[in-house]
Structure formats: structure tokens, C-alpha cells
């Protein structure tokens, strides 16, 4: 049995179908925009920084590896440690805790200076 016969006959050209998909996905995204407002804050800066480090310094400098390790380990542990042990807040930023900031610096430093064990 040929697979071409299983497909229903189309009356619209494939290019027009593809454009319809583009327009409809764009409309769905715009309708759901209020759900994505959080992405314009920290996650956007996080993803942009990692992307720029990869694009600018990829395999040419250890700066990108240190920056990405610092962001991944430091930012991840800062949130976890800050949530668990973060009762003392930083005086100039009440949203950040001393414990989370210490975890950020410590984990970021350790991840940056530890040689990576996986090589590409």
C-alpha cells in the first residue's frame, strides 16, 4: 500500500498551508502573552547571557566555560539555599538573602575553577 494514497487530497497549496500555520501560531502566542510576562525578567537575562557566552567565546576562551558554570551552579544553588535558609535578608535588596548570596558565590566559584570532566 502506498502512503501517498492515505493522505487526503488538498485543495490548497502547501505554501499556503505553511503560512496559515505561521499566522495561527503567532495569534495563539499573542493571546497567551500574559502567561509569558515572567519570561521577560530574570529568565530572559539568564538565557541571553548563556547564549552570548557561547556565541562570543565558544571554545576560544575559558571565560565562557567559567561564566556558564557560574550561572548554572551559582544561580541554581542560590535559589535553593536561599529558600531553605534565607531568613536574613540583604539590607539593600530585601528579595535576596545572605545565605543565597553566599551559596551563589561559593557554588559559582567552585564550578568555575573545577576542571570539567566531560569534553566534546
PDB file of N, CA and C in Angstrom:
ATOM      1  N   UNK A   1       0.853  -1.177   0.000  1.00  0.00           N
ATOM      2  CA  UNK A   1       0.000   0.000   0.000  1.00  0.00           C
ATOM      3  C   UNK A   1       0.891   1.230   0.000  1.00  0.00           C
ATOM      4  N   UNK A   2       0.583   2.165  -0.819  1.00  0.00           N
ATOM      5  CA  UNK A   2       1.374   3.389  -0.906  1.00  0.00           C
ATOM      6  C   UNK A   2       0.886   4.396   0.118  1.00  0.00           C
ATOM      7  N   UNK A   3       1.841   5.069   0.770  1.00  0.00           N
ATOM      8  CA  UNK A   3       1.476   6.051   1.796  1.00  0.00           C
ATOM      9  C   UNK A   3       0.887   7.314   1.198  1.00  0.00           C
ATOM     10  N   UNK A   4       1.202   7.604  -0.046  1.00  0.00           N
ATOM     11  CA  UNK A   4       0.657   8.799  -0.683  1.00  0.00           C
ATOM     12  C   UNK A   4      -0.853   8.746  -0.810  1.00  0.00           C
ATOM     13  N   UNK A   5      -1.407   7.562  -0.873  1.00  0.00           N
ATOM     14  CA  UNK A   5      -2.853   7.437  -1.021  1.00  0.00           C
ATOM     15  C   UNK A   5      -3.582   7.609   0.310  1.00  0.00           C
ATOM     16  N   UNK A   6      -2.873   7.500   1.422  1.00  0.00           N
ATOM     17  CA  UNK A   6      -3.513   7.686   2.726  1.00  0.00           C
ATOM     18  C   UNK A   6      -3.774   9.155   3.030  1.00  0.00           C
ATOM     19  N   UNK A   7      -3.023  10.019   2.383  1.00  0.00           N
ATOM     20  CA  UNK A   7      -3.164  11.444   2.617  1.00  0.00           C
ATOM     21  C   UNK A   7      -4.385  11.964   1.874  1.00  0.00           C
ATOM     22  N   UNK A   8      -5.232  12.744   2.529  1.00  0.00           N
ATOM     23  CA  UNK A   8      -6.400  13.281   1.823  1.00  0.00           C
ATOM     24  C   UNK A   8      -5.961  14.300   0.771  1.00  0.00           C
ATOM     25  N   UNK A   9      -6.705  14.385  -0.304  1.00  0.00           N
ATOM     26  CA  UNK A   9      -6.340  15.357  -1.339  1.00  0.00           C
ATOM     27  C   UNK A   9      -6.483  16.782  -0.800  1.00  0.00           C
ATOM     28  N   UNK A  10      -5.505  17.617  -1.120  1.00  0.00           N
ATOM     29  CA  UNK A  10      -5.556  19.004  -0.649  1.00  0.00           C
ATOM     30  C   UNK A  10      -5.994  19.905  -1.787  1.00  0.00           C
ATOM     31  N   UNK A  11      -6.724  20.911  -1.427  1.00  0.00           N
ATOM     32  CA  UNK A  11      -7.143  21.888  -2.419  1.00  0.00           C
ATOM     33  C   UNK A  11      -6.340  23.166  -2.296  1.00  0.00           C
ATOM     34  N   UNK A  12      -5.587  23.289  -1.216  1.00  0.00           N
ATOM     35  CA  UNK A  12      -4.748  24.480  -1.053  1.00  0.00           C
ATOM     36  C   UNK A  12      -3.287  24.096  -1.241  1.00  0.00           C
ATOM     37  N   UNK A  13      -2.509  25.002  -1.789  1.00  0.00           N
ATOM     38  CA  UNK A  13      -1.091  24.697  -1.991  1.00  0.00           C
ATOM     39  C   UNK A  13      -0.356  24.548  -0.653  1.00  0.00           C
ATOM     40  N   UNK A  14       0.696  23.722  -0.611  1.00  0.00           N
ATOM     41  CA  UNK A  14       1.436  23.515   0.644  1.00  0.00           C
ATOM     42  C   UNK A  14       2.006  24.808   1.229  1.00  0.00           C
ATOM     43  N   UNK A  15       2.424  25.736   0.370  1.00  0.00           N
ATOM     44  CA  UNK A  15       2.973  27.004   0.867  1.00  0.00           C
ATOM     45  C   UNK A  15       1.910  27.791   1.628  1.00  0.00           C
ATOM     46  N   UNK A  16       0.683  27.791   1.132  1.00  0.00           N
ATOM     47  CA  UNK A  16      -0.399  28.492   1.804  1.00  0.00           C
ATOM     48  C   UNK A  16      -0.721  27.822   3.146  1.00  0.00           C
ATOM     49  N   UNK A  17      -0.685  26.499   3.193  1.00  0.00           N
ATOM     50  CA  UNK A  17      -0.899  25.786   4.462  1.00  0.00           C
ATOM     51  C   UNK A  17       0.161  26.162   5.487  1.00  0.00           C
ATOM     52  N   UNK A  18       1.420  26.232   5.037  1.00  0.00           N
ATOM     53  CA  UNK A  18       2.511  26.590   5.933  1.00  0.00           C
ATOM     54  C   UNK A  18       2.336  28.014   6.470  1.00  0.00           C
ATOM     55  N   UNK A  19       1.927  28.927   5.632  1.00  0.00           N
ATOM     56  CA  UNK A  19       1.703  30.312   6.069  1.00  0.00           C
ATOM     57  C   UNK A  19       0.538  30.395   7.047  1.00  0.00           C
ATOM     58  N   UNK A  20      -0.478  29.581   6.814  1.00  0.00           N
ATOM     59  CA  UNK A  20      -1.608  29.540   7.751  1.00  0.00           C
ATOM     60  C   UNK A  20      -1.139  29.087   9.134  1.00  0.00           C
ATOM     61  N   UNK A  21      -0.261  28.094   9.175  1.00  0.00           N
ATOM     62  CA  UNK A  21       0.282  27.623  10.452  1.00  0.00           C
ATOM     63  C   UNK A  21       1.070  28.742  11.126  1.00  0.00           C
ATOM     64  N   UNK A  22       1.890  29.462  10.381  1.00  0.00           N
ATOM     65  CA  UNK A  22       2.668  30.556  10.962  1.00  0.00           C
ATOM     66  C   UNK A  22       1.764  31.619  11.576  1.00  0.00           C
ATOM     67  N   UNK A  23       0.730  32.019  10.835  1.00  0.00           N
ATOM     68  CA  UNK A  23      -0.172  33.054  11.334  1.00  0.00           C
ATOM     69  C   UNK A  23      -0.934  32.568  12.559  1.00  0.00           C
ATOM     70  N   UNK A  24      -1.428  31.344  12.519  1.00  0.00           N
ATOM     71  CA  UNK A  24      -2.221  30.848  13.652  1.00  0.00           C
ATOM     72  C   UNK A  24      -1.357  30.670  14.900  1.00  0.00           C
ATOM     73  N   UNK A  25      -0.111  30.205  14.754  1.00  0.00           N
ATOM     74  CA  UNK A  25       0.764  30.070  15.920  1.00  0.00           C
ATOM     75  C   UNK A  25       1.081  31.443  16.492  1.00  0.00           C
ATOM     76  N   UNK A  26       1.292  32.424  15.621  1.00  0.00           N
ATOM     77  CA  UNK A  26       1.536  33.786  16.091  1.00  0.00           C
ATOM     78  C   UNK A  26       0.352  34.338  16.874  1.00  0.00           C
ATOM     79  N   UNK A  27      -0.856  34.073  16.401  1.00  0.00           N
ATOM     80  CA  UNK A  27      -2.045  34.545  17.115  1.00  0.00           C
ATOM     81  C   UNK A  27      -2.203  33.850  18.462  1.00  0.00           C
ATOM     82  N   UNK A  28      -1.929  32.559  18.506  1.00  0.00           N
ATOM     83  CA  UNK A  28      -2.008  31.827  19.773  1.00  0.00           C
ATOM     84  C   UNK A  28      -0.986  32.381  20.761  1.00  0.00           C
ATOM     85  N   UNK A  29       0.228  32.658  20.276  1.00  0.00           N
ATOM     86  CA  UNK A  29       1.258  33.224  21.141  1.00  0.00           C
ATOM     87  C   UNK A  29       0.816  34.582  21.689  1.00  0.00           C
ATOM     88  N   UNK A  30       0.251  35.424  20.833  1.00  0.00           N
ATOM     89  CA  UNK A  30      -0.182  36.756  21.283  1.00  0.00           C
ATOM     90  C   UNK A  30      -1.343  36.653  22.279  1.00  0.00           C
ATOM     91  N   UNK A  31      -2.231  35.695  22.093  1.00  0.00           N
ATOM     92  CA  UNK A  31      -3.331  35.515  23.037  1.00  0.00           C
ATOM     93  C   UNK A  31      -2.832  35.010  24.389  1.00  0.00           C
ATOM     94  N   UNK A  32      -1.756  34.240  24.377  1.00  0.00           N
ATOM     95  CA  UNK A  32      -1.199  33.692  25.618  1.00  0.00           C
ATOM     96  C   UNK A  32      -0.092  34.564  26.192  1.00  0.00           C
ATOM     97  N   UNK A  33       0.131  35.747  25.639  1.00  0.00           N
ATOM     98  CA  UNK A  33       1.222  36.610  26.075  1.00  0.00           C
ATOM     99  C   UNK A  33       1.225  36.884  27.581  1.00  0.00           C
ATOM    100  N   UNK A  34       0.085  37.120  28.217  1.00  0.00           N
ATOM    101  CA  UNK A  34       0.141  37.364  29.671  1.00  0.00           C
ATOM    102  C   UNK A  34       0.770  36.217  30.461  1.00  0.00           C
ATOM    103  N   UNK A  35       0.727  35.000  29.935  1.00  0.00           N
ATOM    104  CA  UNK A  35       1.347  33.875  30.622  1.00  0.00           C
ATOM    105  C   UNK A  35       2.866  33.936  30.551  1.00  0.00           C
ATOM    106  N   UNK A  36       3.424  34.681  29.582  1.00  0.00           N
ATOM    107  CA  UNK A  36       4.866  34.699  29.356  1.00  0.00           C
ATOM    108  C   UNK A  36       5.543  35.948  29.901  1.00  0.00           C
ATOM    109  N   UNK A  37       4.837  36.802  30.623  1.00  0.00           N
ATOM    110  CA  UNK A  37       5.452  38.041  31.121  1.00  0.00           C
ATOM    111  C   UNK A  37       6.602  37.780  32.070  1.00  0.00           C
ATOM    112  N   UNK A  38       6.531  36.699  32.822  1.00  0.00           N
ATOM    113  CA  UNK A  38       7.619  36.358  33.739  1.00  0.00           C
ATOM    114  C   UNK A  38       8.910  36.104  32.981  1.00  0.00           C
ATOM    115  N   UNK A  39       8.795  35.623  31.743  1.00  0.00           N
ATOM    116  CA  UNK A  39       9.985  35.319  30.952  1.00  0.00           C
ATOM    117  C   UNK A  39      10.772  36.556  30.565  1.00  0.00           C
ATOM    118  N   UNK A  40      10.172  37.737  30.655  1.00  0.00           N
ATOM    119  CA  UNK A  40      10.873  38.954  30.287  1.00  0.00           C
ATOM    120  C   UNK A  40      11.756  39.475  31.402  1.00  0.00           C
ATOM    121  N   UNK A  41      11.726  38.849  32.540  1.00  0.00           N
ATOM    122  CA  UNK A  41      12.540  39.317  33.667  1.00  0.00           C
ATOM    123  C   UNK A  41      13.815  38.484  33.745  1.00  0.00           C
ATOM    124  N   UNK A  42      14.031  37.783  34.806  1.00  0.00           N
ATOM    125  CA  UNK A  42      15.257  37.030  35.028  1.00  0.00           C
ATOM    126  C   UNK A  42      15.569  35.960  34.010  1.00  0.00           C
ATOM    127  N   UNK A  43      14.612  35.100  33.643  1.00  0.00           N
ATOM    128  CA  UNK A  43      14.935  34.046  32.677  1.00  0.00           C
ATOM    129  C   UNK A  43      15.433  34.563  31.330  1.00  0.00           C
ATOM    130  N   UNK A  44      14.950  35.713  30.894  1.00  0.00           N
ATOM    131  CA  UNK A  44      15.417  36.271  29.624  1.00  0.00           C
ATOM    132  C   UNK A  44      16.884  36.673  29.735  1.00  0.00           C
ATOM    133  N   UNK A  45      17.252  37.341  30.827  1.00  0.00           N
ATOM    134  CA  UNK A  45      18.647  37.736  31.030  1.00  0.00           C
ATOM    135  C   UNK A  45      19.544  36.510  31.177  1.00  0.00           C
ATOM    136  N   UNK A  46      19.061  35.512  31.870  1.00  0.00           N
ATOM    137  CA  UNK A  46      19.818  34.274  32.077  1.00  0.00           C
ATOM    138  C   UNK A  46      20.110  33.598  30.746  1.00  0.00           C
ATOM    139  N   UNK A  47      19.081  33.397  29.946  1.00  0.00           N
ATOM    140  CA  UNK A  47      19.256  32.735  28.654  1.00  0.00           C
ATOM    141  C   UNK A  47      20.097  33.574  27.701  1.00  0.00           C
ATOM    142  N   UNK A  48      19.926  34.891  27.729  1.00  0.00           N
ATOM    143  CA  UNK A  48      20.713  35.770  26.868  1.00  0.00           C
ATOM    144  C   UNK A  48      22.185  35.722  27.236  1.00  0.00           C
ATOM    145  N   UNK A  49      22.489  35.729  28.527  1.00  0.00           N
ATOM    146  CA  UNK A  49      23.881  35.691  28.968  1.00  0.00           C
ATOM    147  C   UNK A  49      24.560  34.390  28.566  1.00  0.00           C
ATOM    148  N   UNK A  50      23.891  33.275  28.770  1.00  0.00           N
ATOM    149  CA  UNK A  50      24.479  31.993  28.381  1.00  0.00           C
ATOM    150  C   UNK A  50      24.646  31.913  26.861  1.00  0.00           C
ATOM    151  N   UNK A  51      23.679  32.402  26.128  1.00  0.00           N
ATOM    152  CA  UNK A  51      23.773  32.384  24.669  1.00  0.00           C
ATOM    153  C   UNK A  51      24.925  33.248  24.181  1.00  0.00           C
ATOM    154  N   UNK A  52      25.058  34.454  24.729  1.00  0.00           N
ATOM    155  CA  UNK A  52      26.160  35.325  24.323  1.00  0.00           C
ATOM    156  C   UNK A  52      27.515  34.739  24.688  1.00  0.00           C
ATOM    157  N   UNK A  53      27.612  34.132  25.859  1.00  0.00           N
ATOM    158  CA  UNK A  53      28.880  33.498  26.245  1.00  0.00           C
ATOM    159  C   UNK A  53      29.244  32.392  25.276  1.00  0.00           C
ATOM    160  N   UNK A  54      28.261  31.634  24.829  1.00  0.00           N
ATOM    161  CA  UNK A  54      28.538  30.561  23.863  1.00  0.00           C
ATOM    162  C   UNK A  54      28.891  31.114  22.487  1.00  0.00           C
ATOM    163  N   UNK A  55      28.166  32.124  22.042  1.00  0.00           N
ATOM    164  CA  UNK A  55      28.391  32.658  20.700  1.00  0.00           C
ATOM    165  C   UNK A  55      29.733  33.395  20.610  1.00  0.00           C
ATOM    166  N   UNK A  56      30.032  34.204  21.611  1.00  0.00           N
ATOM    167  CA  UNK A  56      31.231  35.040  21.547  1.00  0.00           C
ATOM    168  C   UNK A  56      32.495  34.251  21.867  1.00  0.00           C
ATOM    169  N   UNK A  57      32.448  33.445  22.912  1.00  0.00           N
ATOM    170  CA  UNK A  57      33.661  32.810  23.405  1.00  0.00           C
ATOM    171  C   UNK A  57      33.723  31.302  23.192  1.00  0.00           C
ATOM    172  N   UNK A  58      32.818  30.717  22.451  1.00  0.00           N
ATOM    173  CA  UNK A  58      32.720  29.266  22.376  1.00  0.00           C
ATOM    174  C   UNK A  58      34.039  28.633  21.944  1.00  0.00           C
ATOM    175  N   UNK A  59      34.581  27.807  22.800  1.00  0.00           N
ATOM    176  CA  UNK A  59      35.805  27.044  22.582  1.00  0.00           C
ATOM    177  C   UNK A  59      37.039  27.899  22.322  1.00  0.00           C
ATOM    178  N   UNK A  60      36.938  29.194  22.482  1.00  0.00           N
ATOM    179  CA  UNK A  60      38.090  30.053  22.245  1.00  0.00           C
ATOM    180  C   UNK A  60      38.671  30.578  23.552  1.00  0.00           C
ATOM    181  N   UNK A  61      37.906  30.531  24.604  1.00  0.00           N
ATOM    182  CA  UNK A  61      38.363  31.108  25.854  1.00  0.00           C
ATOM    183  C   UNK A  61      37.692  30.379  27.021  1.00  0.00           C
ATOM    184  N   UNK A  62      38.417  30.201  28.107  1.00  0.00           N
ATOM    185  CA  UNK A  62      37.791  29.596  29.288  1.00  0.00           C
ATOM    186  C   UNK A  62      36.804  30.528  29.982  1.00  0.00           C
ATOM    187  N   UNK A  63      36.720  31.767  29.522  1.00  0.00           N
ATOM    188  CA  UNK A  63      35.778  32.715  30.122  1.00  0.00           C
ATOM    189  C   UNK A  63      34.346  32.216  29.973  1.00  0.00           C
ATOM    190  N   UNK A  64      34.002  31.694  28.801  1.00  0.00           N
ATOM    191  CA  UNK A  64      32.623  31.233  28.604  1.00  0.00           C
ATOM    192  C   UNK A  64      32.301  30.040  29.491  1.00  0.00           C
ATOM    193  N   UNK A  65      33.251  29.128  29.634  1.00  0.00           N
ATOM    194  CA  UNK A  65      33.011  27.968  30.496  1.00  0.00           C
ATOM    195  C   UNK A  65      32.826  28.416  31.937  1.00  0.00           C
ATOM    196  N   UNK A  66      33.671  29.338  32.393  1.00  0.00           N
ATOM    197  CA  UNK A  66      33.542  29.845  33.761  1.00  0.00           C
ATOM    198  C   UNK A  66      32.231  30.595  33.953  1.00  0.00           C
ATOM    199  N   UNK A  67      31.837  31.400  32.967  1.00  0.00           N
ATOM    200  CA  UNK A  67      30.587  32.159  33.093  1.00  0.00           C
ATOM    201  C   UNK A  67      29.377  31.234  33.128  1.00  0.00           C
ATOM    202  N   UNK A  68      29.368  30.244  32.246  1.00  0.00           N
ATOM    203  CA  UNK A  68      28.229  29.322  32.211  1.00  0.00           C
ATOM    204  C   UNK A  68      28.180  28.476  33.475  1.00  0.00           C
ATOM    205  N   UNK A  69      29.326  27.998  33.933  1.00  0.00           N
ATOM    206  CA  UNK A  69      29.371  27.224  35.186  1.00  0.00           C
ATOM    207  C   UNK A  69      28.908  28.081  36.365  1.00  0.00           C
ATOM    208  N   UNK A  70      29.350  29.334  36.380  1.00  0.00           N
ATOM    209  CA  UNK A  70      28.963  30.243  37.451  1.00  0.00           C
ATOM    210  C   UNK A  70      27.454  30.475  37.438  1.00  0.00           C
ATOM    211  N   UNK A  71      26.904  30.712  36.266  1.00  0.00           N
ATOM    212  CA  UNK A  71      25.461  30.934  36.184  1.00  0.00           C
ATOM    213  C   UNK A  71      24.667  29.694  36.572  1.00  0.00           C
ATOM    214  N   UNK A  72      25.062  28.550  36.031  1.00  0.00           N
ATOM    215  CA  UNK A  72      24.292  27.324  36.285  1.00  0.00           C
ATOM    216  C   UNK A  72      24.360  26.899  37.746  1.00  0.00           C
ATOM    217  N   UNK A  73      25.562  26.729  38.257  1.00  0.00           N
ATOM    218  CA  UNK A  73      25.708  26.252  39.637  1.00  0.00           C
ATOM    219  C   UNK A  73      25.332  27.336  40.635  1.00  0.00           C
ATOM    220  N   UNK A  74      25.830  28.530  40.414  1.00  0.00           N
ATOM    221  CA  UNK A  74      25.585  29.608  41.375  1.00  0.00           C
ATOM    222  C   UNK A  74      24.127  30.008  41.456  1.00  0.00           C
ATOM    223  N   UNK A  75      23.516  30.248  40.325  1.00  0.00           N
ATOM    224  CA  UNK A  75      22.117  30.682  40.320  1.00  0.00           C
ATOM    225  C   UNK A  75      21.190  29.587  40.819  1.00  0.00           C
ATOM    226  N   UNK A  76      21.476  28.356  40.423  1.00  0.00           N
ATOM    227  CA  UNK A  76      20.630  27.246  40.873  1.00  0.00           C
ATOM    228  C   UNK A  76      20.687  27.039  42.376  1.00  0.00           C
ATOM    229  N   UNK A  77      21.899  27.024  42.930  1.00  0.00           N
ATOM    230  CA  UNK A  77      22.023  26.809  44.377  1.00  0.00           C
ATOM    231  C   UNK A  77      21.618  28.024  45.191  1.00  0.00           C
ATOM    232  N   UNK A  78      21.769  29.216  44.631  1.00  0.00           N
ATOM    233  CA  UNK A  78      21.354  30.415  45.360  1.00  0.00           C
ATOM    234  C   UNK A  78      19.859  30.373  45.664  1.00  0.00           C
ATOM    235  N   UNK A  79      19.064  29.938  44.709  1.00  0.00           N
ATOM    236  CA  UNK A  79      17.620  29.854  44.914  1.00  0.00           C
ATOM    237  C   UNK A  79      17.269  28.777  45.928  1.00  0.00           C
ATOM    238  N   UNK A  80      17.915  27.620  45.812  1.00  0.00           N
ATOM    239  CA  UNK A  80      17.600  26.518  46.725  1.00  0.00           C
ATOM    240  C   UNK A  80      18.018  26.853  48.152  1.00  0.00           C
ATOM    241  N   UNK A  81      19.260  27.261  48.336  1.00  0.00           N
ATOM    242  CA  UNK A  81      19.768  27.581  49.681  1.00  0.00           C
ATOM    243  C   UNK A  81      19.057  28.803  50.240  1.00  0.00           C
ATOM    244  N   UNK A  82      18.830  29.799  49.392  1.00  0.00           N
ATOM    245  CA  UNK A  82      18.126  30.997  49.852  1.00  0.00           C
ATOM    246  C   UNK A  82      16.700  30.715  50.303  1.00  0.00           C
ATOM    247  N   UNK A  83      16.048  29.771  49.641  1.00  0.00           N
ATOM    248  CA  UNK A  83      14.680  29.415  50.042  1.00  0.00           C
ATOM    249  C   UNK A  83      14.657  28.656  51.360  1.00  0.00           C
ATOM    250  N   UNK A  84      15.655  27.794  51.572  1.00  0.00           N
ATOM    251  CA  UNK A  84      15.676  26.981  52.791  1.00  0.00           C
ATOM    252  C   UNK A  84      16.212  27.735  53.999  1.00  0.00           C
ATOM    253  N   UNK A  85      17.283  28.471  53.796  1.00  0.00           N
ATOM    254  CA  UNK A  85      17.970  29.085  54.943  1.00  0.00           C
ATOM    255  C   UNK A  85      18.006  30.602  54.868  1.00  0.00           C
ATOM    256  N   UNK A  86      17.192  31.203  54.060  1.00  0.00           N
ATOM    257  CA  UNK A  86      17.298  32.635  53.800  1.00  0.00           C
ATOM    258  C   UNK A  86      16.472  33.535  54.681  1.00  0.00           C
ATOM    259  N   UNK A  87      16.592  33.406  55.985  1.00  0.00           N
ATOM    260  CA  UNK A  87      15.821  34.288  56.860  1.00  0.00           C
ATOM    261  C   UNK A  87      16.463  35.673  56.972  1.00  0.00           C
ATOM    262  N   UNK A  88      17.792  35.757  56.909  1.00  0.00           N
ATOM    263  CA  UNK A  88      18.479  37.053  56.967  1.00  0.00           C
ATOM    264  C   UNK A  88      18.559  37.624  55.557  1.00  0.00           C
ATOM    265  N   UNK A  89      17.974  38.796  55.381  1.00  0.00           N
ATOM    266  CA  UNK A  89      17.938  39.429  54.066  1.00  0.00           C
ATOM    267  C   UNK A  89      19.069  40.438  53.932  1.00  0.00           C
ATOM    268  N   UNK A  90      19.465  40.685  52.695  1.00  0.00           N
ATOM    269  CA  UNK A  90      20.476  41.700  52.410  1.00  0.00           C
ATOM    270  C   UNK A  90      19.823  43.068  52.596  1.00  0.00           C
ATOM    271  N   UNK A  91      20.480  43.989  53.293  1.00  0.00           N
ATOM    272  CA  UNK A  91      19.840  45.278  53.610  1.00  0.00           C
ATOM    273  C   UNK A  91      19.411  46.092  52.387  1.00  0.00           C
ATOM    274  N   UNK A  92      20.165  46.065  51.319  1.00  0.00           N
ATOM    275  CA  UNK A  92      19.841  46.899  50.165  1.00  0.00           C
ATOM    276  C   UNK A  92      18.957  46.198  49.137  1.00  0.00           C
ATOM    277  N   UNK A  93      18.678  44.908  49.335  1.00  0.00           N
ATOM    278  CA  UNK A  93      17.768  44.182  48.449  1.00  0.00           C
ATOM    279  C   UNK A  93      17.030  43.137  49.281  1.00  0.00           C
ATOM    280  N   UNK A  94      15.839  43.462  49.721  1.00  0.00           N
ATOM    281  CA  UNK A  94      15.083  42.591  50.621  1.00  0.00           C
ATOM    282  C   UNK A  94      14.586  41.320  49.942  1.00  0.00           C
ATOM    283  N   UNK A  95      14.729  41.216  48.617  1.00  0.00           N
ATOM    284  CA  UNK A  95      14.331  39.990  47.914  1.00  0.00           C
ATOM    285  C   UNK A  95      15.429  38.933  47.924  1.00  0.00           C
ATOM    286  N   UNK A  96      16.639  39.323  48.304  1.00  0.00           N
ATOM    287  CA  UNK A  96      17.781  38.408  48.307  1.00  0.00           C
ATOM    288  C   UNK A  96      18.201  38.126  49.744  1.00  0.00           C
ATOM    289  N   UNK A  97      18.679  36.899  49.967  1.00  0.00           N
ATOM    290  CA  UNK A  97      19.116  36.522  51.307  1.00  0.00           C
ATOM    291  C   UNK A  97      20.634  36.406  51.356  1.00  0.00           C
ATOM    292  N   UNK A  98      21.158  36.517  52.562  1.00  0.00           N
ATOM    293  CA  UNK A  98      22.594  36.369  52.768  1.00  0.00           C
ATOM    294  C   UNK A  98      23.012  34.943  52.427  1.00  0.00           C
ATOM    295  N   UNK A  99      22.248  33.962  52.884  1.00  0.00           N
ATOM    296  CA  UNK A  99      22.582  32.555  52.623  1.00  0.00           C
ATOM    297  C   UNK A  99      22.579  32.257  51.126  1.00  0.00           C
ATOM    298  N   UNK A 100      21.606  32.773  50.403  1.00  0.00           N
ATOM    299  CA  UNK A 100      21.551  32.552  48.960  1.00  0.00           C
ATOM    300  C   UNK A 100      22.708  33.223  48.234  1.00  0.00           C
ATOM    301  N   UNK A 101      23.091  34.406  48.688  1.00  0.00           N
ATOM    302  CA  UNK A 101      24.207  35.112  48.058  1.00  0.00           C
ATOM    303  C   UNK A 101      25.528  34.407  48.313  1.00  0.00           C
ATOM    304  N   UNK A 102      25.715  33.914  49.529  1.00  0.00           N
ATOM    305  CA  UNK A 102      26.930  33.153  49.841  1.00  0.00           C
ATOM    306  C   UNK A 102      26.957  31.857  49.017  1.00  0.00           C
ATOM    307  N   UNK A 103      25.817  31.214  48.877  1.00  0.00           N
ATOM    308  CA  UNK A 103      25.746  29.994  48.058  1.00  0.00           C
ATOM    309  C   UNK A 103      26.052  30.306  46.605  1.00  0.00           C
ATOM    310  N   UNK A 104      25.585  31.441  46.107  1.00  0.00           N
ATOM    311  CA  UNK A 104      25.861  31.848  44.723  1.00  0.00           C
ATOM    312  C   UNK A 104      27.355  32.008  44.488  1.00  0.00           C
ATOM    313  N   UNK A 105      28.001  32.741  45.369  1.00  0.00           N
ATOM    314  CA  UNK A 105      29.433  32.986  45.206  1.00  0.00           C
ATOM    315  C   UNK A 105      30.222  31.689  45.363  1.00  0.00           C
ATOM    316  N   UNK A 106      29.896  30.905  46.371  1.00  0.00           N
ATOM    317  CA  UNK A 106      30.640  29.666  46.637  1.00  0.00           C
ATOM    318  C   UNK A 106      30.472  28.645  45.516  1.00  0.00           C
ATOM    319  N   UNK A 107      29.242  28.370  45.150  1.00  0.00           N
ATOM    320  CA  UNK A 107      28.984  27.366  44.116  1.00  0.00           C
ATOM    321  C   UNK A 107      29.497  27.839  42.759  1.00  0.00           C
ATOM    322  N   UNK A 108      29.323  29.120  42.472  1.00  0.00           N
ATOM    323  CA  UNK A 108      29.828  29.653  41.210  1.00  0.00           C
ATOM    324  C   UNK A 108      31.337  29.568  41.118  1.00  0.00           C
ATOM    325  N   UNK A 109      32.009  29.896  42.203  1.00  0.00           N
ATOM    326  CA  UNK A 109      33.465  29.813  42.211  1.00  0.00           C
ATOM    327  C   UNK A 109      33.935  28.374  42.058  1.00  0.00           C
ATOM    328  N   UNK A 110      33.347  27.468  42.837  1.00  0.00           N
ATOM    329  CA  UNK A 110      33.760  26.060  42.762  1.00  0.00           C
ATOM    330  C   UNK A 110      33.503  25.461  41.375  1.00  0.00           C
ATOM    331  N   UNK A 111      32.378  25.785  40.796  1.00  0.00           N
ATOM    332  CA  UNK A 111      32.069  25.259  39.465  1.00  0.00           C
ATOM    333  C   UNK A 111      32.976  25.867  38.402  1.00  0.00           C
ATOM    334  N   UNK A 112      33.392  27.112  38.602  1.00  0.00           N
ATOM    335  CA  UNK A 112      34.239  27.778  37.615  1.00  0.00           C
ATOM    336  C   UNK A 112      35.673  27.292  37.642  1.00  0.00           C
ATOM    337  N   UNK A 113      36.183  26.956  38.820  1.00  0.00           N
ATOM    338  CA  UNK A 113      37.583  26.546  38.911  1.00  0.00           C
ATOM    339  C   UNK A 113      37.770  25.038  38.830  1.00  0.00           C
ATOM    340  N   UNK A 114      36.710  24.280  38.988  1.00  0.00           N
ATOM    341  CA  UNK A 114      36.804  22.826  38.874  1.00  0.00           C
ATOM    342  C   UNK A 114      36.898  22.461  37.399  1.00  0.00           C
ATOM    343  N   UNK A 115      37.892  21.691  37.022  1.00  0.00           N
ATOM    344  CA  UNK A 115      38.002  21.331  35.604  1.00  0.00           C
ATOM    345  C   UNK A 115      36.836  20.460  35.162  1.00  0.00           C
ATOM    346  N   UNK A 116      36.288  20.739  33.999  1.00  0.00           N
ATOM    347  CA  UNK A 116      35.162  19.921  33.529  1.00  0.00           C
ATOM    348  C   UNK A 116      35.627  18.507  33.215  1.00  0.00           C
ATOM    349  N   UNK A 117      34.799  17.546  33.517  1.00  0.00           N
ATOM    350  CA  UNK A 117      35.156  16.143  33.275  1.00  0.00           C
ATOM    351  C   UNK A 117      34.606  15.640  31.951  1.00  0.00           C
ATOM    352  N   UNK A 118      33.689  16.371  31.349  1.00  0.00           N
ATOM    353  CA  UNK A 118      33.115  15.964  30.072  1.00  0.00           C
ATOM    354  C   UNK A 118      33.692  16.876  28.989  1.00  0.00           C
ATOM    355  N   UNK A 119      34.308  16.321  28.012  1.00  0.00           N
ATOM    356  CA  UNK A 119      34.852  17.091  26.905  1.00  0.00           C
ATOM    357  C   UNK A 119      34.144  16.734  25.620  1.00  0.00           C
ATOM    358  N   UNK A 120      33.980  17.709  24.774  1.00  0.00           N
ATOM    359  CA  UNK A 120      33.286  17.490  23.499  1.00  0.00           C
ATOM    360  C   UNK A 120      34.288  17.263  22.394  1.00  0.00           C
TER     361      UNK A 120
END
